[in-house]
Amino acid sequence: MASLVRHVTIDCADAYRLAQFWAQVLDGKVGDDDNPGDPEALVVSSGVSLLFIQVPEGKTVKNRIHLDVQPQDRTRDEEVERVLALGATLVGDHRTPDGKGWATLADIEGNEFCVERSAAERIATESSTATA
């Protein structure tokens, strides 16, 4: 039998604070036994579980792995605005005039992630391309 990914683990400076941010992004929940000041905190959501581990060293280079977030009930652009309001920052805008592309953001500790088009937006773009 093959292995399964149990959760994605992210090193950070403040595990509980970063978990709270990602719980809001993913409409998830911080573990019931996780509290401010804990060296680790778990976020459980319908898509993926994220485990945040406090480490002494800070982030110094670009992530070697990152998360791609796809909104479920809003557009990519609405999701970008929502997540920016939660405290993320825009790192790179790769959205194109034809509606394709993505936005690269950084969370409150500088970890990069991308916001992609929703499934509905992908279908709409494919449909308009097929009829053109």
N, C-alpha and C. Protein backbone atom coordinates (compact mmCIF):
# COMPACT_ATOMS: atom_id res chain seq x y z
N MET A 1 0.84 -1.18 0.00
CA MET A 1 0.00 0.00 0.00
C MET A 1 0.88 1.24 0.00
N ALA A 2 0.49 2.24 -0.75
CA ALA A 2 1.23 3.50 -0.85
C ALA A 2 0.99 4.37 0.38
N SER A 3 1.85 5.33 0.57
CA SER A 3 1.67 6.30 1.65
C SER A 3 0.68 7.37 1.22
N LEU A 4 0.05 8.01 2.21
CA LEU A 4 -0.85 9.12 1.98
C LEU A 4 -0.31 10.36 2.68
N VAL A 5 -0.55 11.52 2.12
CA VAL A 5 -0.17 12.76 2.78
C VAL A 5 -1.19 13.02 3.87
N ARG A 6 -0.72 13.03 5.10
CA ARG A 6 -1.62 13.25 6.24
C ARG A 6 -2.00 14.72 6.36
N HIS A 7 -1.00 15.60 6.28
CA HIS A 7 -1.21 17.04 6.24
C HIS A 7 0.06 17.69 5.71
N VAL A 8 -0.05 18.93 5.33
CA VAL A 8 1.10 19.69 4.88
C VAL A 8 1.61 20.48 6.09
N THR A 9 2.91 20.38 6.34
CA THR A 9 3.51 21.04 7.50
C THR A 9 4.28 22.27 7.06
N ILE A 10 4.09 23.37 7.77
CA ILE A 10 4.71 24.64 7.43
C ILE A 10 5.43 25.18 8.65
N ASP A 11 6.73 25.45 8.50
CA ASP A 11 7.50 26.08 9.57
C ASP A 11 7.07 27.54 9.68
N CYS A 12 7.10 28.06 10.90
CA CYS A 12 6.65 29.44 11.10
C CYS A 12 7.18 30.00 12.41
N ALA A 13 6.92 31.29 12.62
CA ALA A 13 7.33 31.97 13.85
C ALA A 13 6.26 31.88 14.93
N ASP A 14 4.99 31.93 14.54
CA ASP A 14 3.89 31.91 15.50
C ASP A 14 2.82 30.95 14.98
N ALA A 15 2.88 29.72 15.44
CA ALA A 15 2.03 28.65 14.91
C ALA A 15 0.55 28.96 15.06
N TYR A 16 0.13 29.41 16.21
CA TYR A 16 -1.30 29.64 16.45
C TYR A 16 -1.82 30.80 15.61
N ARG A 17 -1.06 31.87 15.55
CA ARG A 17 -1.49 33.05 14.77
C ARG A 17 -1.60 32.70 13.29
N LEU A 18 -0.61 31.98 12.76
CA LEU A 18 -0.65 31.61 11.35
C LEU A 18 -1.77 30.61 11.08
N ALA A 19 -2.01 29.71 12.02
CA ALA A 19 -3.12 28.76 11.88
C ALA A 19 -4.46 29.51 11.84
N GLN A 20 -4.61 30.54 12.65
CA GLN A 20 -5.85 31.32 12.63
C GLN A 20 -6.06 31.96 11.25
N PHE A 21 -5.00 32.51 10.68
CA PHE A 21 -5.09 33.12 9.35
C PHE A 21 -5.54 32.08 8.33
N TRP A 22 -4.88 30.92 8.29
CA TRP A 22 -5.20 29.90 7.30
C TRP A 22 -6.56 29.26 7.54
N ALA A 23 -7.00 29.19 8.79
CA ALA A 23 -8.35 28.67 9.06
C ALA A 23 -9.39 29.58 8.41
N GLN A 24 -9.16 30.88 8.42
CA GLN A 24 -10.07 31.82 7.77
C GLN A 24 -10.01 31.67 6.25
N VAL A 25 -8.81 31.55 5.70
CA VAL A 25 -8.66 31.40 4.25
C VAL A 25 -9.39 30.16 3.76
N LEU A 26 -9.21 29.04 4.48
CA LEU A 26 -9.74 27.74 4.04
C LEU A 26 -11.11 27.41 4.61
N ASP A 27 -11.70 28.34 5.35
CA ASP A 27 -12.96 28.07 6.05
C ASP A 27 -12.83 26.78 6.87
N GLY A 28 -11.68 26.70 7.54
CA GLY A 28 -11.38 25.53 8.35
C GLY A 28 -11.49 25.85 9.83
N LYS A 29 -10.85 25.01 10.62
CA LYS A 29 -10.94 25.14 12.07
C LYS A 29 -9.58 24.83 12.69
N VAL A 30 -9.15 25.69 13.60
CA VAL A 30 -7.94 25.42 14.37
C VAL A 30 -8.27 24.34 15.38
N GLY A 31 -7.34 23.41 15.60
CA GLY A 31 -7.57 22.31 16.52
C GLY A 31 -8.06 22.77 17.88
N ASP A 32 -8.99 22.02 18.46
CA ASP A 32 -9.57 22.37 19.77
C ASP A 32 -8.52 22.45 20.87
N ASP A 33 -7.45 21.67 20.75
CA ASP A 33 -6.42 21.67 21.80
C ASP A 33 -5.26 22.60 21.48
N ASP A 34 -5.39 23.43 20.45
CA ASP A 34 -4.35 24.40 20.10
C ASP A 34 -4.68 25.75 20.71
N ASN A 35 -3.65 26.40 21.27
CA ASN A 35 -3.82 27.66 21.97
C ASN A 35 -2.69 28.62 21.63
N PRO A 36 -2.92 29.93 21.84
CA PRO A 36 -1.83 30.89 21.62
C PRO A 36 -0.58 30.49 22.40
N GLY A 37 0.57 30.61 21.74
CA GLY A 37 1.83 30.26 22.38
C GLY A 37 2.25 28.81 22.19
N ASP A 38 1.34 27.95 21.73
CA ASP A 38 1.70 26.55 21.48
C ASP A 38 2.73 26.48 20.35
N PRO A 39 3.66 25.53 20.41
CA PRO A 39 4.68 25.42 19.37
C PRO A 39 4.17 24.81 18.07
N GLU A 40 2.95 24.29 18.08
CA GLU A 40 2.36 23.80 16.84
C GLU A 40 0.85 23.97 16.90
N ALA A 41 0.24 24.08 15.72
CA ALA A 41 -1.20 24.23 15.62
C ALA A 41 -1.67 23.59 14.32
N LEU A 42 -2.81 22.94 14.38
CA LEU A 42 -3.36 22.22 13.24
C LEU A 42 -4.61 22.93 12.72
N VAL A 43 -4.70 23.05 11.40
CA VAL A 43 -5.91 23.56 10.75
C VAL A 43 -6.50 22.42 9.95
N VAL A 44 -7.75 22.11 10.23
CA VAL A 44 -8.47 21.07 9.49
C VAL A 44 -9.52 21.76 8.63
N SER A 45 -9.54 21.40 7.35
CA SER A 45 -10.55 21.95 6.44
C SER A 45 -11.00 20.84 5.52
N SER A 46 -11.98 21.12 4.70
CA SER A 46 -12.52 20.08 3.82
C SER A 46 -11.51 19.67 2.75
N GLY A 47 -10.57 20.54 2.40
CA GLY A 47 -9.63 20.22 1.34
C GLY A 47 -8.33 19.62 1.81
N VAL A 48 -7.75 20.17 2.87
CA VAL A 48 -6.43 19.74 3.32
C VAL A 48 -6.26 20.13 4.78
N SER A 49 -5.42 19.40 5.47
CA SER A 49 -5.05 19.77 6.83
C SER A 49 -3.65 20.39 6.79
N LEU A 50 -3.48 21.50 7.49
CA LEU A 50 -2.19 22.16 7.56
C LEU A 50 -1.70 22.13 9.00
N LEU A 51 -0.46 21.74 9.19
CA LEU A 51 0.16 21.72 10.52
C LEU A 51 1.24 22.79 10.54
N PHE A 52 1.14 23.71 11.48
CA PHE A 52 2.11 24.79 11.62
C PHE A 52 3.01 24.48 12.80
N ILE A 53 4.32 24.50 12.55
CA ILE A 53 5.33 24.18 13.56
C ILE A 53 6.21 25.41 13.77
N GLN A 54 6.30 25.85 15.01
CA GLN A 54 7.13 27.00 15.33
C GLN A 54 8.60 26.59 15.28
N VAL A 55 9.41 27.39 14.57
CA VAL A 55 10.85 27.15 14.47
C VAL A 55 11.57 28.44 14.81
N PRO A 56 12.83 28.35 15.26
CA PRO A 56 13.54 29.57 15.67
C PRO A 56 14.01 30.45 14.51
N GLU A 57 14.30 29.85 13.36
CA GLU A 57 14.80 30.64 12.24
C GLU A 57 13.65 31.22 11.41
N GLY A 58 13.90 32.38 10.85
CA GLY A 58 12.89 33.03 10.03
C GLY A 58 12.96 32.59 8.58
N LYS A 59 11.95 32.93 7.81
CA LYS A 59 11.92 32.64 6.38
C LYS A 59 12.90 33.58 5.69
N THR A 60 13.78 33.02 4.84
CA THR A 60 14.78 33.86 4.19
C THR A 60 14.76 33.78 2.68
N VAL A 61 14.17 32.74 2.11
CA VAL A 61 14.15 32.59 0.65
C VAL A 61 12.75 32.19 0.19
N LYS A 62 12.57 32.16 -1.12
CA LYS A 62 11.30 31.76 -1.71
C LYS A 62 10.96 30.33 -1.31
N ASN A 63 9.68 30.07 -1.10
CA ASN A 63 9.22 28.71 -0.77
C ASN A 63 9.64 27.73 -1.86
N ARG A 64 10.00 26.53 -1.48
CA ARG A 64 10.26 25.46 -2.46
C ARG A 64 8.98 24.72 -2.79
N ILE A 65 7.98 24.89 -1.97
CA ILE A 65 6.66 24.30 -2.20
C ILE A 65 5.65 25.35 -1.78
N HIS A 66 4.51 25.39 -2.47
CA HIS A 66 3.49 26.37 -2.07
C HIS A 66 2.11 25.78 -2.30
N LEU A 67 1.12 26.43 -1.72
CA LEU A 67 -0.27 26.00 -1.86
C LEU A 67 -0.92 26.76 -3.00
N ASP A 68 -1.79 26.08 -3.75
CA ASP A 68 -2.65 26.71 -4.75
C ASP A 68 -4.06 26.65 -4.19
N VAL A 69 -4.67 27.81 -4.04
CA VAL A 69 -6.01 27.92 -3.46
C VAL A 69 -7.00 28.17 -4.60
N GLN A 70 -8.08 27.40 -4.62
CA GLN A 70 -9.14 27.60 -5.62
C GLN A 70 -10.44 27.92 -4.89
N PRO A 71 -10.99 29.12 -5.11
CA PRO A 71 -12.24 29.48 -4.43
C PRO A 71 -13.39 28.57 -4.88
N GLN A 72 -14.29 28.30 -3.94
CA GLN A 72 -15.42 27.43 -4.23
C GLN A 72 -16.69 28.19 -4.54
N ASP A 73 -16.90 29.32 -3.86
CA ASP A 73 -18.18 30.02 -4.00
C ASP A 73 -18.02 31.49 -4.35
N ARG A 74 -16.89 31.83 -4.92
CA ARG A 74 -16.65 33.21 -5.37
C ARG A 74 -15.64 33.15 -6.50
N THR A 75 -15.42 34.28 -7.15
CA THR A 75 -14.46 34.32 -8.24
C THR A 75 -13.04 34.42 -7.69
N ARG A 76 -12.08 34.19 -8.56
CA ARG A 76 -10.68 34.34 -8.18
C ARG A 76 -10.42 35.75 -7.65
N ASP A 77 -10.91 36.76 -8.38
CA ASP A 77 -10.64 38.14 -7.98
C ASP A 77 -11.31 38.49 -6.65
N GLU A 78 -12.50 37.99 -6.43
CA GLU A 78 -13.17 38.20 -5.13
C GLU A 78 -12.37 37.52 -4.02
N GLU A 79 -11.84 36.34 -4.30
CA GLU A 79 -11.05 35.62 -3.29
C GLU A 79 -9.75 36.35 -2.99
N VAL A 80 -9.11 36.88 -4.02
CA VAL A 80 -7.89 37.65 -3.80
C VAL A 80 -8.19 38.83 -2.87
N GLU A 81 -9.26 39.55 -3.13
CA GLU A 81 -9.62 40.70 -2.28
C GLU A 81 -9.93 40.26 -0.85
N ARG A 82 -10.64 39.14 -0.70
CA ARG A 82 -11.00 38.64 0.63
C ARG A 82 -9.74 38.28 1.43
N VAL A 83 -8.81 37.58 0.78
CA VAL A 83 -7.60 37.13 1.47
C VAL A 83 -6.66 38.31 1.76
N LEU A 84 -6.62 39.28 0.86
CA LEU A 84 -5.84 40.49 1.15
C LEU A 84 -6.40 41.19 2.39
N ALA A 85 -7.71 41.22 2.53
CA ALA A 85 -8.34 41.84 3.70
C ALA A 85 -8.02 41.09 4.99
N LEU A 86 -7.69 39.79 4.88
CA LEU A 86 -7.31 39.00 6.06
C LEU A 86 -5.87 39.26 6.49
N GLY A 87 -5.10 39.96 5.63
CA GLY A 87 -3.73 40.29 5.99
C GLY A 87 -2.67 39.80 5.03
N ALA A 88 -3.07 39.11 3.96
CA ALA A 88 -2.10 38.67 2.96
C ALA A 88 -1.61 39.88 2.16
N THR A 89 -0.52 39.69 1.41
CA THR A 89 -0.01 40.73 0.52
C THR A 89 0.12 40.15 -0.88
N LEU A 90 -0.05 41.02 -1.88
CA LEU A 90 0.09 40.61 -3.27
C LEU A 90 1.56 40.60 -3.64
N VAL A 91 2.06 39.46 -4.10
CA VAL A 91 3.46 39.31 -4.47
C VAL A 91 3.63 39.40 -5.99
N GLY A 92 2.72 38.78 -6.73
CA GLY A 92 2.80 38.80 -8.19
C GLY A 92 1.42 38.62 -8.79
N ASP A 93 1.12 39.41 -9.79
CA ASP A 93 -0.19 39.33 -10.43
C ASP A 93 -0.02 38.73 -11.82
N HIS A 94 -0.48 37.50 -11.98
CA HIS A 94 -0.34 36.76 -13.23
C HIS A 94 -1.69 36.58 -13.91
N ARG A 95 -2.65 37.45 -13.57
CA ARG A 95 -3.97 37.41 -14.19
C ARG A 95 -3.87 38.06 -15.57
N THR A 96 -4.58 37.49 -16.54
CA THR A 96 -4.52 37.99 -17.91
C THR A 96 -5.86 38.59 -18.31
N PRO A 97 -5.85 39.45 -19.33
CA PRO A 97 -7.09 40.10 -19.76
C PRO A 97 -8.20 39.13 -20.18
N ASP A 98 -7.83 37.92 -20.62
CA ASP A 98 -8.85 36.94 -21.04
C ASP A 98 -9.43 36.17 -19.87
N GLY A 99 -9.08 36.54 -18.62
CA GLY A 99 -9.65 35.90 -17.44
C GLY A 99 -8.85 34.73 -16.90
N LYS A 100 -7.80 34.34 -17.58
CA LYS A 100 -6.97 33.23 -17.11
C LYS A 100 -5.93 33.75 -16.13
N GLY A 101 -5.09 32.86 -15.65
CA GLY A 101 -3.99 33.25 -14.79
C GLY A 101 -4.33 33.14 -13.31
N TRP A 102 -3.42 33.63 -12.50
CA TRP A 102 -3.52 33.50 -11.05
C TRP A 102 -2.85 34.69 -10.38
N ALA A 103 -3.06 34.82 -9.10
CA ALA A 103 -2.38 35.84 -8.30
C ALA A 103 -1.54 35.13 -7.24
N THR A 104 -0.31 35.58 -7.09
CA THR A 104 0.57 35.05 -6.05
C THR A 104 0.52 36.01 -4.87
N LEU A 105 0.18 35.46 -3.71
CA LEU A 105 0.10 36.24 -2.48
C LEU A 105 1.08 35.67 -1.47
N ALA A 106 1.28 36.39 -0.39
CA ALA A 106 2.07 35.91 0.75
C ALA A 106 1.19 36.01 1.98
N ASP A 107 1.25 34.99 2.83
CA ASP A 107 0.46 35.02 4.07
C ASP A 107 1.11 35.97 5.06
N ILE A 108 0.61 36.01 6.26
CA ILE A 108 1.07 36.99 7.24
C ILE A 108 2.50 36.77 7.72
N GLU A 109 3.10 35.62 7.36
CA GLU A 109 4.51 35.38 7.68
C GLU A 109 5.38 35.34 6.42
N GLY A 110 4.80 35.68 5.28
CA GLY A 110 5.59 35.77 4.05
C GLY A 110 5.62 34.51 3.20
N ASN A 111 4.87 33.48 3.56
CA ASN A 111 4.82 32.25 2.77
C ASN A 111 3.96 32.46 1.53
N GLU A 112 4.54 32.20 0.34
CA GLU A 112 3.82 32.43 -0.89
C GLU A 112 2.77 31.35 -1.14
N PHE A 113 1.66 31.76 -1.76
CA PHE A 113 0.63 30.84 -2.22
C PHE A 113 -0.08 31.50 -3.39
N CYS A 114 -0.77 30.70 -4.19
CA CYS A 114 -1.45 31.23 -5.37
C CYS A 114 -2.95 31.08 -5.24
N VAL A 115 -3.67 32.07 -5.76
CA VAL A 115 -5.12 31.99 -5.86
C VAL A 115 -5.45 31.81 -7.33
N GLU A 116 -6.07 30.68 -7.63
CA GLU A 116 -6.42 30.33 -9.00
C GLU A 116 -7.87 30.67 -9.30
N ARG A 117 -8.29 30.44 -10.55
CA ARG A 117 -9.69 30.63 -10.93
C ARG A 117 -10.55 29.56 -10.29
N SER A 118 -11.79 29.89 -10.03
CA SER A 118 -12.75 28.91 -9.52
C SER A 118 -13.08 27.91 -10.62
N ALA A 119 -13.69 26.81 -10.25
CA ALA A 119 -14.10 25.80 -11.23
C ALA A 119 -15.08 26.42 -12.23
N ALA A 120 -16.00 27.24 -11.75
CA ALA A 120 -16.98 27.88 -12.63
C ALA A 120 -16.29 28.80 -13.63
N GLU A 121 -15.28 29.53 -13.20
CA GLU A 121 -14.55 30.41 -14.11
C GLU A 121 -13.79 29.61 -15.16
N ARG A 122 -13.23 28.48 -14.76
CA ARG A 122 -12.53 27.62 -15.72
C ARG A 122 -13.49 27.09 -16.78
N ILE A 123 -14.65 26.65 -16.36
CA ILE A 123 -15.65 26.14 -17.29
C ILE A 123 -16.09 27.24 -18.26
N ALA A 124 -16.35 28.42 -17.73
CA ALA A 124 -16.78 29.55 -18.56
C ALA A 124 -15.72 29.90 -19.60
N THR A 125 -14.44 29.90 -19.20
CA THR A 125 -13.35 30.23 -20.11
C THR A 125 -13.22 29.15 -21.19
N GLU A 126 -13.33 27.89 -20.79
CA GLU A 126 -13.24 26.79 -21.76
C GLU A 126 -14.41 26.84 -22.74
N SER A 127 -15.59 27.15 -22.24
CA SER A 127 -16.78 27.24 -23.10
C SER A 127 -16.65 28.36 -24.13
N SER A 128 -16.15 29.51 -23.68
CA SER A 128 -16.02 30.64 -24.61
C SER A 128 -14.91 30.39 -25.62
N THR A 129 -13.87 29.63 -25.23
CA THR A 129 -12.80 29.29 -26.15
C THR A 129 -13.29 28.28 -27.18
N ALA A 130 -14.12 27.34 -26.76
CA ALA A 130 -14.63 26.29 -27.67
C ALA A 130 -15.56 26.87 -28.72
N THR A 131 -16.27 27.94 -28.38
CA THR A 131 -17.22 28.52 -29.34
C THR A 131 -16.59 29.57 -30.23
N ALA A 132 -15.37 29.97 -29.89
CA ALA A 132 -14.70 31.01 -30.69
C ALA A 132 -14.09 30.46 -31.96
